[in-house]
N, C-alpha and C. Protein backbone atom coordinates (compact mmCIF):
# COMPACT_ATOMS: atom_id res chain seq x y z
N MET A 1 -32.14 18.72 -31.09
CA MET A 1 -33.47 18.50 -30.63
C MET A 1 -34.39 18.52 -31.84
N GLU A 2 -35.27 17.54 -31.92
CA GLU A 2 -36.27 17.48 -32.99
C GLU A 2 -37.44 18.40 -32.63
N TRP A 3 -37.97 19.12 -33.62
CA TRP A 3 -39.13 19.98 -33.38
C TRP A 3 -40.13 19.83 -34.51
N ALA A 4 -41.40 20.15 -34.24
CA ALA A 4 -42.46 20.10 -35.24
C ALA A 4 -43.47 21.20 -34.96
N LEU A 5 -44.00 21.78 -36.02
CA LEU A 5 -45.02 22.82 -35.93
C LEU A 5 -46.11 22.47 -36.93
N ARG A 6 -47.31 22.24 -36.42
CA ARG A 6 -48.44 21.90 -37.29
C ARG A 6 -49.62 22.78 -36.91
N GLY A 7 -50.33 23.25 -37.92
CA GLY A 7 -51.49 24.09 -37.66
C GLY A 7 -52.12 24.56 -38.96
N SER A 8 -52.89 25.63 -38.85
CA SER A 8 -53.58 26.21 -40.01
C SER A 8 -53.20 27.67 -40.13
N GLY A 9 -52.97 28.10 -41.35
CA GLY A 9 -52.68 29.49 -41.63
C GLY A 9 -53.70 30.03 -42.61
N PRO A 10 -53.62 31.30 -42.96
CA PRO A 10 -54.58 31.90 -43.88
C PRO A 10 -54.56 31.26 -45.27
N ARG A 11 -53.46 30.58 -45.61
CA ARG A 11 -53.34 29.94 -46.93
C ARG A 11 -53.49 28.42 -46.87
N GLY A 12 -53.89 27.89 -45.71
CA GLY A 12 -54.10 26.46 -45.59
C GLY A 12 -53.24 25.84 -44.50
N PRO A 13 -53.08 24.51 -44.55
CA PRO A 13 -52.34 23.79 -43.52
C PRO A 13 -50.86 24.19 -43.48
N VAL A 14 -50.30 24.15 -42.26
CA VAL A 14 -48.87 24.40 -42.04
C VAL A 14 -48.30 23.15 -41.39
N ASP A 15 -47.22 22.62 -41.94
CA ASP A 15 -46.58 21.42 -41.40
C ASP A 15 -45.07 21.56 -41.58
N LEU A 16 -44.38 21.98 -40.52
CA LEU A 16 -42.94 22.18 -40.55
C LEU A 16 -42.29 21.31 -39.49
N SER A 17 -41.07 20.85 -39.76
CA SER A 17 -40.31 20.09 -38.77
C SER A 17 -38.84 20.21 -39.09
N GLY A 18 -38.01 19.89 -38.11
CA GLY A 18 -36.58 19.95 -38.32
C GLY A 18 -35.80 19.52 -37.10
N THR A 19 -34.51 19.75 -37.14
CA THR A 19 -33.60 19.45 -36.05
C THR A 19 -32.91 20.73 -35.64
N ALA A 20 -33.00 21.10 -34.38
CA ALA A 20 -32.40 22.33 -33.88
C ALA A 20 -31.05 22.05 -33.24
N THR A 21 -30.20 23.07 -33.25
CA THR A 21 -28.93 23.03 -32.53
C THR A 21 -28.93 24.17 -31.52
N ASP A 22 -28.83 23.86 -30.24
CA ASP A 22 -28.78 24.86 -29.18
C ASP A 22 -27.56 24.59 -28.31
N VAL A 23 -26.83 25.64 -28.00
CA VAL A 23 -25.69 25.53 -27.10
C VAL A 23 -25.84 26.62 -26.05
N ALA A 24 -25.80 26.24 -24.77
CA ALA A 24 -25.93 27.20 -23.68
C ALA A 24 -24.75 27.03 -22.72
N ARG A 25 -24.44 28.10 -22.03
CA ARG A 25 -23.35 28.07 -21.04
C ARG A 25 -23.81 28.82 -19.80
N ARG A 26 -23.47 28.27 -18.64
CA ARG A 26 -23.80 28.94 -17.38
C ARG A 26 -22.74 30.00 -17.09
N GLY A 27 -23.18 31.22 -16.83
CA GLY A 27 -22.27 32.32 -16.55
C GLY A 27 -21.81 32.31 -15.10
N PRO A 28 -20.85 33.17 -14.76
CA PRO A 28 -20.34 33.23 -13.40
C PRO A 28 -21.42 33.60 -12.37
N ASP A 29 -22.49 34.25 -12.83
CA ASP A 29 -23.58 34.63 -11.93
C ASP A 29 -24.60 33.51 -11.74
N GLY A 30 -24.38 32.36 -12.40
CA GLY A 30 -25.28 31.21 -12.26
C GLY A 30 -26.40 31.17 -13.27
N HIS A 31 -26.57 32.21 -14.09
CA HIS A 31 -27.62 32.24 -15.10
C HIS A 31 -27.13 31.59 -16.40
N TRP A 32 -28.06 30.92 -17.10
CA TRP A 32 -27.74 30.29 -18.38
C TRP A 32 -27.90 31.29 -19.51
N ARG A 33 -27.01 31.22 -20.50
CA ARG A 33 -27.07 32.08 -21.67
C ARG A 33 -26.87 31.23 -22.92
N TYR A 34 -27.69 31.53 -23.94
CA TYR A 34 -27.54 30.84 -25.22
C TYR A 34 -26.34 31.39 -25.98
N LEU A 35 -25.47 30.49 -26.43
CA LEU A 35 -24.36 30.87 -27.30
C LEU A 35 -24.76 30.66 -28.75
N ILE A 36 -25.51 29.58 -29.00
CA ILE A 36 -26.01 29.27 -30.35
C ILE A 36 -27.47 28.84 -30.21
N ASP A 37 -28.34 29.42 -31.01
CA ASP A 37 -29.75 29.03 -31.06
C ASP A 37 -30.14 28.97 -32.52
N ASN A 38 -29.98 27.77 -33.11
CA ASN A 38 -30.22 27.59 -34.54
C ASN A 38 -31.37 26.60 -34.72
N PRO A 39 -32.59 27.08 -35.04
CA PRO A 39 -33.73 26.17 -35.16
C PRO A 39 -33.66 25.24 -36.36
N PHE A 40 -32.70 25.44 -37.27
CA PHE A 40 -32.61 24.62 -38.48
C PHE A 40 -31.42 23.68 -38.46
N GLY A 41 -30.77 23.50 -37.33
CA GLY A 41 -29.68 22.54 -37.21
C GLY A 41 -28.49 22.90 -38.07
N THR A 42 -27.82 21.90 -38.60
CA THR A 42 -26.61 22.13 -39.38
C THR A 42 -26.73 21.70 -40.83
N SER A 43 -27.84 21.11 -41.22
CA SER A 43 -27.96 20.67 -42.62
C SER A 43 -28.99 21.46 -43.38
């Protein structure tokens, strides 16, 4: 998933972006759980 964060911080403009890797699995109780939550992808 592509993501972007733009705004202002105490030191000036903030402009970040990247590709995230998320893997989720549904448990026996029907609830989803994250197995992998990596906001910076694989590179």
